[in-house]
Amino acid sequence: MYHLARNVLSDTVKQNKKSNHDDVHALADKIGGGLSPEVELERKQDTEMLHKAIATLSPEHREILVLSRFQELKYNEISDILNISESTIKVRVHRAMGELRKLFLNKANKSKANDL
């Protein structure tokens, strides 16, 4: 059953390259009076860079981050889905976040260099 859910999640992520989290943030900003155009543009650019960085992660790291951060599953739930120990999940999330941080910062630095 967990493998079925895992496959459905994988298919959904492939079909919907964009996350619904962006829509939630956009609605919150509109309700709260909105942001200045400069801040809004910067946030949009950061979100695009983050999506590109996530897309370049290895499939294992991308899967673990989608489950833990976007689907907001607990480590024990992910452990049941992937059939690996909870401590292994913690290590993989930590490593995936480190890799994502490195990729995002590289993309941000390249973007700033192009702006100059």
PDB file of N, CA and C in Angstrom:
ATOM      1  N   MET A   1       0.818  -1.183   0.000  1.00  0.00           N
ATOM      2  CA  MET A   1       0.000   0.000   0.000  1.00  0.00           C
ATOM      3  C   MET A   1       0.871   1.259   0.000  1.00  0.00           C
ATOM      4  N   TYR A   2       1.945   1.254   0.813  1.00  0.00           N
ATOM      5  CA  TYR A   2       2.814   2.415   0.861  1.00  0.00           C
ATOM      6  C   TYR A   2       3.522   2.616  -0.480  1.00  0.00           C
ATOM      7  N   HIS A   3       3.866   1.514  -1.119  1.00  0.00           N
ATOM      8  CA  HIS A   3       4.537   1.623  -2.416  1.00  0.00           C
ATOM      9  C   HIS A   3       3.595   2.213  -3.451  1.00  0.00           C
ATOM     10  N   LEU A   4       2.325   1.889  -3.364  1.00  0.00           N
ATOM     11  CA  LEU A   4       1.335   2.464  -4.263  1.00  0.00           C
ATOM     12  C   LEU A   4       1.256   3.975  -4.040  1.00  0.00           C
ATOM     13  N   ALA A   5       1.206   4.378  -2.769  1.00  0.00           N
ATOM     14  CA  ALA A   5       1.164   5.806  -2.446  1.00  0.00           C
ATOM     15  C   ALA A   5       2.427   6.507  -2.935  1.00  0.00           C
ATOM     16  N   ARG A   6       3.549   5.849  -2.789  1.00  0.00           N
ATOM     17  CA  ARG A   6       4.823   6.403  -3.237  1.00  0.00           C
ATOM     18  C   ARG A   6       4.821   6.606  -4.753  1.00  0.00           C
ATOM     19  N   ASN A   7       4.296   5.638  -5.491  1.00  0.00           N
ATOM     20  CA  ASN A   7       4.229   5.753  -6.941  1.00  0.00           C
ATOM     21  C   ASN A   7       3.266   6.849  -7.372  1.00  0.00           C
ATOM     22  N   VAL A   8       2.141   6.947  -6.681  1.00  0.00           N
ATOM     23  CA  VAL A   8       1.176   8.002  -6.997  1.00  0.00           C
ATOM     24  C   VAL A   8       1.800   9.365  -6.740  1.00  0.00           C
ATOM     25  N   LEU A   9       2.508   9.499  -5.621  1.00  0.00           N
ATOM     26  CA  LEU A   9       3.189  10.747  -5.303  1.00  0.00           C
ATOM     27  C   LEU A   9       4.210  11.091  -6.385  1.00  0.00           C
ATOM     28  N   SER A  10       4.974  10.111  -6.795  1.00  0.00           N
ATOM     29  CA  SER A  10       5.976  10.331  -7.836  1.00  0.00           C
ATOM     30  C   SER A  10       5.327  10.804  -9.133  1.00  0.00           C
ATOM     31  N   ASP A  11       4.228  10.167  -9.521  1.00  0.00           N
ATOM     32  CA  ASP A  11       3.515  10.560 -10.734  1.00  0.00           C
ATOM     33  C   ASP A  11       2.951  11.970 -10.617  1.00  0.00           C
ATOM     34  N   THR A  12       2.417  12.284  -9.454  1.00  0.00           N
ATOM     35  CA  THR A  12       1.845  13.612  -9.237  1.00  0.00           C
ATOM     36  C   THR A  12       2.906  14.685  -9.324  1.00  0.00           C
ATOM     37  N   VAL A  13       4.062  14.430  -8.718  1.00  0.00           N
ATOM     38  CA  VAL A  13       5.150  15.406  -8.751  1.00  0.00           C
ATOM     39  C   VAL A  13       5.623  15.611 -10.183  1.00  0.00           C
ATOM     40  N   LYS A  14       5.708  14.543 -10.951  1.00  0.00           N
ATOM     41  CA  LYS A  14       6.137  14.661 -12.336  1.00  0.00           C
ATOM     42  C   LYS A  14       5.134  15.467 -13.157  1.00  0.00           C
ATOM     43  N   GLN A  15       3.840  15.252 -12.907  1.00  0.00           N
ATOM     44  CA  GLN A  15       2.805  15.957 -13.664  1.00  0.00           C
ATOM     45  C   GLN A  15       2.707  17.416 -13.257  1.00  0.00           C
ATOM     46  N   ASN A  16       2.855  17.684 -11.980  1.00  0.00           N
ATOM     47  CA  ASN A  16       2.731  19.043 -11.463  1.00  0.00           C
ATOM     48  C   ASN A  16       4.093  19.542 -11.019  1.00  0.00           C
ATOM     49  N   LYS A  17       4.856  20.053 -11.933  1.00  0.00           N
ATOM     50  CA  LYS A  17       6.202  20.501 -11.611  1.00  0.00           C
ATOM     51  C   LYS A  17       6.187  21.638 -10.604  1.00  0.00           C
ATOM     52  N   LYS A  18       5.111  22.386 -10.540  1.00  0.00           N
ATOM     53  CA  LYS A  18       5.017  23.487  -9.582  1.00  0.00           C
ATOM     54  C   LYS A  18       4.341  23.001  -8.315  1.00  0.00           C
ATOM     55  N   SER A  19       4.776  23.553  -7.226  1.00  0.00           N
ATOM     56  CA  SER A  19       4.219  23.219  -5.916  1.00  0.00           C
ATOM     57  C   SER A  19       3.055  24.128  -5.586  1.00  0.00           C
ATOM     58  N   ASN A  20       2.089  23.620  -4.853  1.00  0.00           N
ATOM     59  CA  ASN A  20       0.966  24.427  -4.404  1.00  0.00           C
ATOM     60  C   ASN A  20       1.378  25.414  -3.330  1.00  0.00           C
ATOM     61  N   HIS A  21       2.564  25.244  -2.754  1.00  0.00           N
ATOM     62  CA  HIS A  21       3.017  26.146  -1.705  1.00  0.00           C
ATOM     63  C   HIS A  21       3.152  27.570  -2.232  1.00  0.00           C
ATOM     64  N   ASP A  22       3.517  27.728  -3.512  1.00  0.00           N
ATOM     65  CA  ASP A  22       3.646  29.063  -4.081  1.00  0.00           C
ATOM     66  C   ASP A  22       2.295  29.766  -4.088  1.00  0.00           C
ATOM     67  N   ASP A  23       1.230  29.041  -4.418  1.00  0.00           N
ATOM     68  CA  ASP A  23      -0.103  29.623  -4.467  1.00  0.00           C
ATOM     69  C   ASP A  23      -0.545  30.091  -3.090  1.00  0.00           C
ATOM     70  N   VAL A  24      -0.240  29.332  -2.059  1.00  0.00           N
ATOM     71  CA  VAL A  24      -0.608  29.696  -0.699  1.00  0.00           C
ATOM     72  C   VAL A  24       0.092  30.987  -0.293  1.00  0.00           C
ATOM     73  N   HIS A  25       1.375  31.097  -0.607  1.00  0.00           N
ATOM     74  CA  HIS A  25       2.125  32.309  -0.263  1.00  0.00           C
ATOM     75  C   HIS A  25       1.577  33.514  -1.027  1.00  0.00           C
ATOM     76  N   ALA A  26       1.240  33.323  -2.282  1.00  0.00           N
ATOM     77  CA  ALA A  26       0.704  34.421  -3.078  1.00  0.00           C
ATOM     78  C   ALA A  26      -0.621  34.909  -2.506  1.00  0.00           C
ATOM     79  N   LEU A  27      -1.479  33.985  -2.112  1.00  0.00           N
ATOM     80  CA  LEU A  27      -2.757  34.379  -1.514  1.00  0.00           C
ATOM     81  C   LEU A  27      -2.562  35.101  -0.194  1.00  0.00           C
ATOM     82  N   ALA A  28      -1.653  34.633   0.621  1.00  0.00           N
ATOM     83  CA  ALA A  28      -1.393  35.285   1.909  1.00  0.00           C
ATOM     84  C   ALA A  28      -0.896  36.713   1.702  1.00  0.00           C
ATOM     85  N   ASP A  29      -0.062  36.914   0.701  1.00  0.00           N
ATOM     86  CA  ASP A  29       0.443  38.254   0.422  1.00  0.00           C
ATOM     87  C   ASP A  29      -0.668  39.177  -0.057  1.00  0.00           C
ATOM     88  N   LYS A  30      -1.564  38.662  -0.886  1.00  0.00           N
ATOM     89  CA  LYS A  30      -2.673  39.472  -1.386  1.00  0.00           C
ATOM     90  C   LYS A  30      -3.617  39.866  -0.252  1.00  0.00           C
ATOM     91  N   ILE A  31      -3.888  38.930   0.634  1.00  0.00           N
ATOM     92  CA  ILE A  31      -4.786  39.204   1.753  1.00  0.00           C
ATOM     93  C   ILE A  31      -4.153  40.221   2.696  1.00  0.00           C
ATOM     94  N   GLY A  32      -2.876  40.092   2.930  1.00  0.00           N
ATOM     95  CA  GLY A  32      -2.173  40.967   3.860  1.00  0.00           C
ATOM     96  C   GLY A  32      -1.835  42.331   3.288  1.00  0.00           C
ATOM     97  N   GLY A  33      -2.282  42.662   2.120  1.00  0.00           N
ATOM     98  CA  GLY A  33      -1.996  43.969   1.532  1.00  0.00           C
ATOM     99  C   GLY A  33      -0.925  43.902   0.460  1.00  0.00           C
ATOM    100  N   GLY A  34      -0.282  42.768   0.325  1.00  0.00           N
ATOM    101  CA  GLY A  34       0.702  42.589  -0.730  1.00  0.00           C
ATOM    102  C   GLY A  34       2.081  43.115  -0.368  1.00  0.00           C
ATOM    103  N   LEU A  35       3.004  42.824  -1.232  1.00  0.00           N
ATOM    104  CA  LEU A  35       4.389  43.244  -1.060  1.00  0.00           C
ATOM    105  C   LEU A  35       4.714  44.283  -2.116  1.00  0.00           C
ATOM    106  N   SER A  36       5.821  44.952  -1.914  1.00  0.00           N
ATOM    107  CA  SER A  36       6.264  45.890  -2.934  1.00  0.00           C
ATOM    108  C   SER A  36       6.659  45.085  -4.172  1.00  0.00           C
ATOM    109  N   PRO A  37       6.582  45.687  -5.339  1.00  0.00           N
ATOM    110  CA  PRO A  37       6.928  44.962  -6.569  1.00  0.00           C
ATOM    111  C   PRO A  37       8.347  44.395  -6.552  1.00  0.00           C
ATOM    112  N   GLU A  38       9.287  45.124  -5.935  1.00  0.00           N
ATOM    113  CA  GLU A  38      10.666  44.650  -5.887  1.00  0.00           C
ATOM    114  C   GLU A  38      10.790  43.379  -5.048  1.00  0.00           C
ATOM    115  N   VAL A  39      10.136  43.392  -3.888  1.00  0.00           N
ATOM    116  CA  VAL A  39      10.183  42.230  -2.996  1.00  0.00           C
ATOM    117  C   VAL A  39       9.468  41.053  -3.641  1.00  0.00           C
ATOM    118  N   GLU A  40       8.357  41.326  -4.284  1.00  0.00           N
ATOM    119  CA  GLU A  40       7.597  40.263  -4.955  1.00  0.00           C
ATOM    120  C   GLU A  40       8.414  39.634  -6.076  1.00  0.00           C
ATOM    121  N   LEU A  41       9.103  40.455  -6.863  1.00  0.00           N
ATOM    122  CA  LEU A  41       9.946  39.947  -7.945  1.00  0.00           C
ATOM    123  C   LEU A  41      11.091  39.114  -7.386  1.00  0.00           C
ATOM    124  N   GLU A  42      11.717  39.598  -6.318  1.00  0.00           N
ATOM    125  CA  GLU A  42      12.815  38.857  -5.717  1.00  0.00           C
ATOM    126  C   GLU A  42      12.335  37.503  -5.183  1.00  0.00           C
ATOM    127  N   ARG A  43      11.182  37.494  -4.547  1.00  0.00           N
ATOM    128  CA  ARG A  43      10.628  36.232  -4.030  1.00  0.00           C
ATOM    129  C   ARG A  43      10.327  35.257  -5.170  1.00  0.00           C
ATOM    130  N   LYS A  44       9.774  35.786  -6.260  1.00  0.00           N
ATOM    131  CA  LYS A  44       9.465  34.930  -7.408  1.00  0.00           C
ATOM    132  C   LYS A  44      10.748  34.351  -8.004  1.00  0.00           C
ATOM    133  N   GLN A  45      11.780  35.169  -8.115  1.00  0.00           N
ATOM    134  CA  GLN A  45      13.055  34.692  -8.655  1.00  0.00           C
ATOM    135  C   GLN A  45      13.676  33.638  -7.738  1.00  0.00           C
ATOM    136  N   ASP A  46      13.610  33.869  -6.436  1.00  0.00           N
ATOM    137  CA  ASP A  46      14.135  32.893  -5.482  1.00  0.00           C
ATOM    138  C   ASP A  46      13.368  31.571  -5.579  1.00  0.00           C
ATOM    139  N   THR A  47      12.055  31.658  -5.727  1.00  0.00           N
ATOM    140  CA  THR A  47      11.236  30.453  -5.852  1.00  0.00           C
ATOM    141  C   THR A  47      11.595  29.678  -7.116  1.00  0.00           C
ATOM    142  N   GLU A  48      11.802  30.393  -8.213  1.00  0.00           N
ATOM    143  CA  GLU A  48      12.199  29.742  -9.465  1.00  0.00           C
ATOM    144  C   GLU A  48      13.559  29.069  -9.323  1.00  0.00           C
ATOM    145  N   MET A  49      14.507  29.757  -8.670  1.00  0.00           N
ATOM    146  CA  MET A  49      15.829  29.157  -8.453  1.00  0.00           C
ATOM    147  C   MET A  49      15.728  27.925  -7.562  1.00  0.00           C
ATOM    148  N   LEU A  50      14.858  27.994  -6.549  1.00  0.00           N
ATOM    149  CA  LEU A  50      14.680  26.851  -5.662  1.00  0.00           C
ATOM    150  C   LEU A  50      14.114  25.663  -6.426  1.00  0.00           C
ATOM    151  N   HIS A  51      13.127  25.894  -7.284  1.00  0.00           N
ATOM    152  CA  HIS A  51      12.555  24.802  -8.075  1.00  0.00           C
ATOM    153  C   HIS A  51      13.604  24.199  -9.018  1.00  0.00           C
ATOM    154  N   LYS A  52      14.434  25.042  -9.602  1.00  0.00           N
ATOM    155  CA  LYS A  52      15.496  24.535 -10.476  1.00  0.00           C
ATOM    156  C   LYS A  52      16.507  23.723  -9.681  1.00  0.00           C
ATOM    157  N   ALA A  53      16.839  24.192  -8.489  1.00  0.00           N
ATOM    158  CA  ALA A  53      17.785  23.461  -7.638  1.00  0.00           C
ATOM    159  C   ALA A  53      17.195  22.114  -7.230  1.00  0.00           C
ATOM    160  N   ILE A  54      15.925  22.088  -6.875  1.00  0.00           N
ATOM    161  CA  ILE A  54      15.261  20.823  -6.504  1.00  0.00           C
ATOM    162  C   ILE A  54      15.259  19.866  -7.682  1.00  0.00           C
ATOM    163  N   ALA A  55      15.032  20.400  -8.880  1.00  0.00           N
ATOM    164  CA  ALA A  55      14.996  19.549 -10.079  1.00  0.00           C
ATOM    165  C   ALA A  55      16.350  18.909 -10.365  1.00  0.00           C
ATOM    166  N   THR A  56      17.440  19.541  -9.920  1.00  0.00           N
ATOM    167  CA  THR A  56      18.772  18.987 -10.190  1.00  0.00           C
ATOM    168  C   THR A  56      19.243  18.015  -9.105  1.00  0.00           C
ATOM    169  N   LEU A  57      18.479  17.905  -8.022  1.00  0.00           N
ATOM    170  CA  LEU A  57      18.829  16.932  -6.979  1.00  0.00           C
ATOM    171  C   LEU A  57      18.736  15.516  -7.515  1.00  0.00           C
ATOM    172  N   SER A  58      19.444  14.613  -6.875  1.00  0.00           N
ATOM    173  CA  SER A  58      19.314  13.203  -7.234  1.00  0.00           C
ATOM    174  C   SER A  58      17.886  12.757  -6.918  1.00  0.00           C
ATOM    175  N   PRO A  59      17.366  11.748  -7.615  1.00  0.00           N
ATOM    176  CA  PRO A  59      15.990  11.300  -7.355  1.00  0.00           C
ATOM    177  C   PRO A  59      15.740  10.915  -5.895  1.00  0.00           C
ATOM    178  N   GLU A  60      16.733  10.310  -5.250  1.00  0.00           N
ATOM    179  CA  GLU A  60      16.571   9.907  -3.855  1.00  0.00           C
ATOM    180  C   GLU A  60      16.423  11.123  -2.942  1.00  0.00           C
ATOM    181  N   HIS A  61      17.263  12.128  -3.157  1.00  0.00           N
ATOM    182  CA  HIS A  61      17.194  13.340  -2.339  1.00  0.00           C
ATOM    183  C   HIS A  61      15.911  14.112  -2.615  1.00  0.00           C
ATOM    184  N   ARG A  62      15.529  14.182  -3.885  1.00  0.00           N
ATOM    185  CA  ARG A  62      14.303  14.894  -4.232  1.00  0.00           C
ATOM    186  C   ARG A  62      13.097  14.221  -3.584  1.00  0.00           C
ATOM    187  N   GLU A  63      13.059  12.906  -3.628  1.00  0.00           N
ATOM    188  CA  GLU A  63      11.942  12.160  -3.048  1.00  0.00           C
ATOM    189  C   GLU A  63      11.848  12.401  -1.541  1.00  0.00           C
ATOM    190  N   ILE A  64      12.964  12.325  -0.858  1.00  0.00           N
ATOM    191  CA  ILE A  64      12.958  12.471   0.600  1.00  0.00           C
ATOM    192  C   ILE A  64      12.554  13.891   0.992  1.00  0.00           C
ATOM    193  N   LEU A  65      12.971  14.903   0.218  1.00  0.00           N
ATOM    194  CA  LEU A  65      12.583  16.277   0.529  1.00  0.00           C
ATOM    195  C   LEU A  65      11.110  16.537   0.224  1.00  0.00           C
ATOM    196  N   VAL A  66      10.615  15.963  -0.841  1.00  0.00           N
ATOM    197  CA  VAL A  66       9.192  16.125  -1.154  1.00  0.00           C
ATOM    198  C   VAL A  66       8.346  15.524  -0.045  1.00  0.00           C
ATOM    199  N   LEU A  67       8.717  14.343   0.400  1.00  0.00           N
ATOM    200  CA  LEU A  67       7.945  13.696   1.464  1.00  0.00           C
ATOM    201  C   LEU A  67       8.046  14.454   2.786  1.00  0.00           C
ATOM    202  N   SER A  68       9.242  14.897   3.143  1.00  0.00           N
ATOM    203  CA  SER A  68       9.417  15.514   4.463  1.00  0.00           C
ATOM    204  C   SER A  68       9.032  16.989   4.494  1.00  0.00           C
ATOM    205  N   ARG A  69       9.341  17.727   3.444  1.00  0.00           N
ATOM    206  CA  ARG A  69       9.119  19.173   3.486  1.00  0.00           C
ATOM    207  C   ARG A  69       7.829  19.612   2.794  1.00  0.00           C
ATOM    208  N   PHE A  70       7.535  19.057   1.628  1.00  0.00           N
ATOM    209  CA  PHE A  70       6.349  19.487   0.896  1.00  0.00           C
ATOM    210  C   PHE A  70       5.092  18.725   1.314  1.00  0.00           C
ATOM    211  N   GLN A  71       5.228  17.430   1.530  1.00  0.00           N
ATOM    212  CA  GLN A  71       4.089  16.644   1.990  1.00  0.00           C
ATOM    213  C   GLN A  71       3.945  16.690   3.506  1.00  0.00           C
ATOM    214  N   GLU A  72       4.970  17.218   4.170  1.00  0.00           N
ATOM    215  CA  GLU A  72       5.002  17.400   5.622  1.00  0.00           C
ATOM    216  C   GLU A  72       4.727  16.109   6.404  1.00  0.00           C
ATOM    217  N   LEU A  73       5.306  15.004   5.902  1.00  0.00           N
ATOM    218  CA  LEU A  73       5.180  13.731   6.611  1.00  0.00           C
ATOM    219  C   LEU A  73       6.216  13.663   7.722  1.00  0.00           C
ATOM    220  N   LYS A  74       5.888  12.963   8.764  1.00  0.00           N
ATOM    221  CA  LYS A  74       6.818  12.748   9.871  1.00  0.00           C
ATOM    222  C   LYS A  74       7.831  11.687   9.447  1.00  0.00           C
ATOM    223  N   TYR A  75       8.995  11.706  10.119  1.00  0.00           N
ATOM    224  CA  TYR A  75      10.051  10.760   9.755  1.00  0.00           C
ATOM    225  C   TYR A  75       9.592   9.307   9.883  1.00  0.00           C
ATOM    226  N   ASN A  76       8.795   9.000  10.903  1.00  0.00           N
ATOM    227  CA  ASN A  76       8.339   7.608  11.047  1.00  0.00           C
ATOM    228  C   ASN A  76       7.388   7.219   9.909  1.00  0.00           C
ATOM    229  N   GLU A  77       6.616   8.167   9.381  1.00  0.00           N
ATOM    230  CA  GLU A  77       5.740   7.875   8.243  1.00  0.00           C
ATOM    231  C   GLU A  77       6.570   7.633   6.979  1.00  0.00           C
ATOM    232  N   ILE A  78       7.586   8.448   6.793  1.00  0.00           N
ATOM    233  CA  ILE A  78       8.465   8.260   5.633  1.00  0.00           C
ATOM    234  C   ILE A  78       9.198   6.933   5.744  1.00  0.00           C
ATOM    235  N   SER A  79       9.591   6.595   6.947  1.00  0.00           N
ATOM    236  CA  SER A  79      10.265   5.327   7.200  1.00  0.00           C
ATOM    237  C   SER A  79       9.389   4.151   6.785  1.00  0.00           C
ATOM    238  N   ASP A  80       8.108   4.219   7.104  1.00  0.00           N
ATOM    239  CA  ASP A  80       7.177   3.158   6.703  1.00  0.00           C
ATOM    240  C   ASP A  80       6.998   3.109   5.191  1.00  0.00           C
ATOM    241  N   ILE A  81       6.912   4.268   4.566  1.00  0.00           N
ATOM    242  CA  ILE A  81       6.704   4.335   3.110  1.00  0.00           C
ATOM    243  C   ILE A  81       7.906   3.773   2.356  1.00  0.00           C
ATOM    244  N   LEU A  82       9.105   4.196   2.767  1.00  0.00           N
ATOM    245  CA  LEU A  82      10.317   3.796   2.048  1.00  0.00           C
ATOM    246  C   LEU A  82      10.915   2.493   2.553  1.00  0.00           C
ATOM    247  N   ASN A  83      10.376   2.014   3.666  1.00  0.00           N
ATOM    248  CA  ASN A  83      10.829   0.757   4.254  1.00  0.00           C
ATOM    249  C   ASN A  83      12.310   0.804   4.637  1.00  0.00           C
ATOM    250  N   ILE A  84      12.706   1.920   5.254  1.00  0.00           N
ATOM    251  CA  ILE A  84      14.053   2.059   5.795  1.00  0.00           C
ATOM    252  C   ILE A  84      13.935   2.688   7.186  1.00  0.00           C
ATOM    253  N   SER A  85      15.002   2.604   7.965  1.00  0.00           N
ATOM    254  CA  SER A  85      14.933   3.051   9.357  1.00  0.00           C
ATOM    255  C   SER A  85      14.752   4.571   9.459  1.00  0.00           C
ATOM    256  N   GLU A  86      14.186   4.973  10.584  1.00  0.00           N
ATOM    257  CA  GLU A  86      13.944   6.393  10.829  1.00  0.00           C
ATOM    258  C   GLU A  86      15.254   7.169  10.912  1.00  0.00           C
ATOM    259  N   SER A  87      16.283   6.564  11.497  1.00  0.00           N
ATOM    260  CA  SER A  87      17.569   7.252  11.588  1.00  0.00           C
ATOM    261  C   SER A  87      18.175   7.457  10.197  1.00  0.00           C
ATOM    262  N   THR A  88      17.968   6.516   9.297  1.00  0.00           N
ATOM    263  CA  THR A  88      18.433   6.665   7.918  1.00  0.00           C
ATOM    264  C   THR A  88      17.701   7.812   7.239  1.00  0.00           C
ATOM    265  N   ILE A  89      16.411   7.945   7.517  1.00  0.00           N
ATOM    266  CA  ILE A  89      15.617   9.041   6.955  1.00  0.00           C
ATOM    267  C   ILE A  89      16.195  10.380   7.420  1.00  0.00           C
ATOM    268  N   LYS A  90      16.497  10.480   8.706  1.00  0.00           N
ATOM    269  CA  LYS A  90      17.040  11.726   9.251  1.00  0.00           C
ATOM    270  C   LYS A  90      18.358  12.102   8.570  1.00  0.00           C
ATOM    271  N   VAL A  91      19.209  11.113   8.378  1.00  0.00           N
ATOM    272  CA  VAL A  91      20.501  11.360   7.733  1.00  0.00           C
ATOM    273  C   VAL A  91      20.290  11.794   6.289  1.00  0.00           C
ATOM    274  N   ARG A  92      19.392  11.122   5.582  1.00  0.00           N
ATOM    275  CA  ARG A  92      19.149  11.457   4.178  1.00  0.00           C
ATOM    276  C   ARG A  92      18.528  12.840   4.021  1.00  0.00           C
ATOM    277  N   VAL A  93      17.634  13.213   4.923  1.00  0.00           N
ATOM    278  CA  VAL A  93      17.040  14.558   4.866  1.00  0.00           C
ATOM    279  C   VAL A  93      18.132  15.596   5.094  1.00  0.00           C
ATOM    280  N   HIS A  94      18.983  15.349   6.069  1.00  0.00           N
ATOM    281  CA  HIS A  94      20.078  16.282   6.361  1.00  0.00           C
ATOM    282  C   HIS A  94      20.992  16.439   5.145  1.00  0.00           C
ATOM    283  N   ARG A  95      21.360  15.341   4.538  1.00  0.00           N
ATOM    284  CA  ARG A  95      22.244  15.390   3.363  1.00  0.00           C
ATOM    285  C   ARG A  95      21.556  16.050   2.175  1.00  0.00           C
ATOM    286  N   ALA A  96      20.272  15.750   1.983  1.00  0.00           N
ATOM    287  CA  ALA A  96      19.521  16.353   0.875  1.00  0.00           C
ATOM    288  C   ALA A  96      19.404  17.859   1.061  1.00  0.00           C
ATOM    289  N   MET A  97      19.162  18.307   2.292  1.00  0.00           N
ATOM    290  CA  MET A  97      19.074  19.739   2.556  1.00  0.00           C
ATOM    291  C   MET A  97      20.423  20.412   2.318  1.00  0.00           C
ATOM    292  N   GLY A  98      21.503  19.743   2.685  1.00  0.00           N
ATOM    293  CA  GLY A  98      22.837  20.283   2.433  1.00  0.00           C
ATOM    294  C   GLY A  98      23.121  20.416   0.949  1.00  0.00           C
ATOM    295  N   GLU A  99      22.754  19.398   0.198  1.00  0.00           N
ATOM    296  CA  GLU A  99      22.963  19.442  -1.251  1.00  0.00           C
ATOM    297  C   GLU A  99      22.093  20.529  -1.879  1.00  0.00           C
ATOM    298  N   LEU A 100      20.841  20.620  -1.434  1.00  0.00           N
ATOM    299  CA  LEU A 100      19.938  21.647  -1.954  1.00  0.00           C
ATOM    300  C   LEU A 100      20.464  23.043  -1.638  1.00  0.00           C
ATOM    301  N   ARG A 101      20.946  23.248  -0.434  1.00  0.00           N
ATOM    302  CA  ARG A 101      21.510  24.542  -0.037  1.00  0.00           C
ATOM    303  C   ARG A 101      22.668  24.916  -0.954  1.00  0.00           C
ATOM    304  N   LYS A 102      23.552  23.953  -1.215  1.00  0.00           N
ATOM    305  CA  LYS A 102      24.717  24.201  -2.069  1.00  0.00           C
ATOM    306  C   LYS A 102      24.274  24.553  -3.496  1.00  0.00           C
ATOM    307  N   LEU A 103      23.328  23.790  -4.039  1.00  0.00           N
ATOM    308  CA  LEU A 103      22.845  24.046  -5.394  1.00  0.00           C
ATOM    309  C   LEU A 103      22.155  25.404  -5.493  1.00  0.00           C
ATOM    310  N   PHE A 104      21.335  25.723  -4.490  1.00  0.00           N
ATOM    311  CA  PHE A 104      20.612  26.994  -4.499  1.00  0.00           C
ATOM    312  C   PHE A 104      21.583  28.175  -4.425  1.00  0.00           C
ATOM    313  N   LEU A 105      22.552  28.083  -3.539  1.00  0.00           N
ATOM    314  CA  LEU A 105      23.517  29.173  -3.399  1.00  0.00           C
ATOM    315  C   LEU A 105      24.352  29.348  -4.664  1.00  0.00           C
ATOM    316  N   ASN A 106      24.706  28.233  -5.326  1.00  0.00           N
ATOM    317  CA  ASN A 106      25.440  28.324  -6.595  1.00  0.00           C
ATOM    318  C   ASN A 106      24.601  29.038  -7.646  1.00  0.00           C
ATOM    319  N   LYS A 107      23.317  28.682  -7.727  1.00  0.00           N
ATOM    320  CA  LYS A 107      22.432  29.331  -8.698  1.00  0.00           C
ATOM    321  C   LYS A 107      22.247  30.807  -8.355  1.00  0.00           C
ATOM    322  N   ALA A 108      22.130  31.123  -7.069  1.00  0.00           N
ATOM    323  CA  ALA A 108      21.966  32.518  -6.647  1.00  0.00           C
ATOM    324  C   ALA A 108      23.221  33.330  -6.977  1.00  0.00           C
ATOM    325  N   ASN A 109      24.387  32.759  -6.745  1.00  0.00           N
ATOM    326  CA  ASN A 109      25.629  33.458  -7.056  1.00  0.00           C
ATOM    327  C   ASN A 109      25.788  33.693  -8.545  1.00  0.00           C
ATOM    328  N   LYS A 110      25.417  32.698  -9.355  1.00  0.00           N
ATOM    329  CA  LYS A 110      25.476  32.858 -10.806  1.00  0.00           C
ATOM    330  C   LYS A 110      24.501  33.923 -11.267  1.00  0.00           C
ATOM    331  N   SER A 111      23.337  33.948 -10.660  1.00  0.00           N
ATOM    332  CA  SER A 111      22.329  34.946 -11.020  1.00  0.00           C
ATOM    333  C   SER A 111      22.818  36.352 -10.699  1.00  0.00           C
ATOM    334  N   LYS A 112      23.436  36.527  -9.527  1.00  0.00           N
ATOM    335  CA  LYS A 112      23.964  37.838  -9.134  1.00  0.00           C
ATOM    336  C   LYS A 112      25.101  38.258 -10.057  1.00  0.00           C
ATOM    337  N   ALA A 113      25.930  37.288 -10.462  1.00  0.00           N
ATOM    338  CA  ALA A 113      27.045  37.600 -11.370  1.00  0.00           C
ATOM    339  C   ALA A 113      26.504  38.043 -12.727  1.00  0.00           C
ATOM    340  N   ASN A 114      25.413  37.444 -13.169  1.00  0.00           N
ATOM    341  CA  ASN A 114      24.808  37.838 -14.452  1.00  0.00           C
ATOM    342  C   ASN A 114      24.174  39.213 -14.373  1.00  0.00           C
ATOM    343  N   ASP A 115      23.699  39.601 -13.195  1.00  0.00           N
ATOM    344  CA  ASP A 115      23.079  40.912 -13.026  1.00  0.00           C
ATOM    345  C   ASP A 115      24.090  42.047 -13.075  1.00  0.00           C
ATOM    346  N   LEU A 116      25.345  41.733 -12.743  1.00  0.00           N
ATOM    347  CA  LEU A 116      26.377  42.784 -12.713  1.00  0.00           C
ATOM    348  C   LEU A 116      26.833  43.116 -14.068  1.00  0.00           C
TER     349      LEU A 116
END
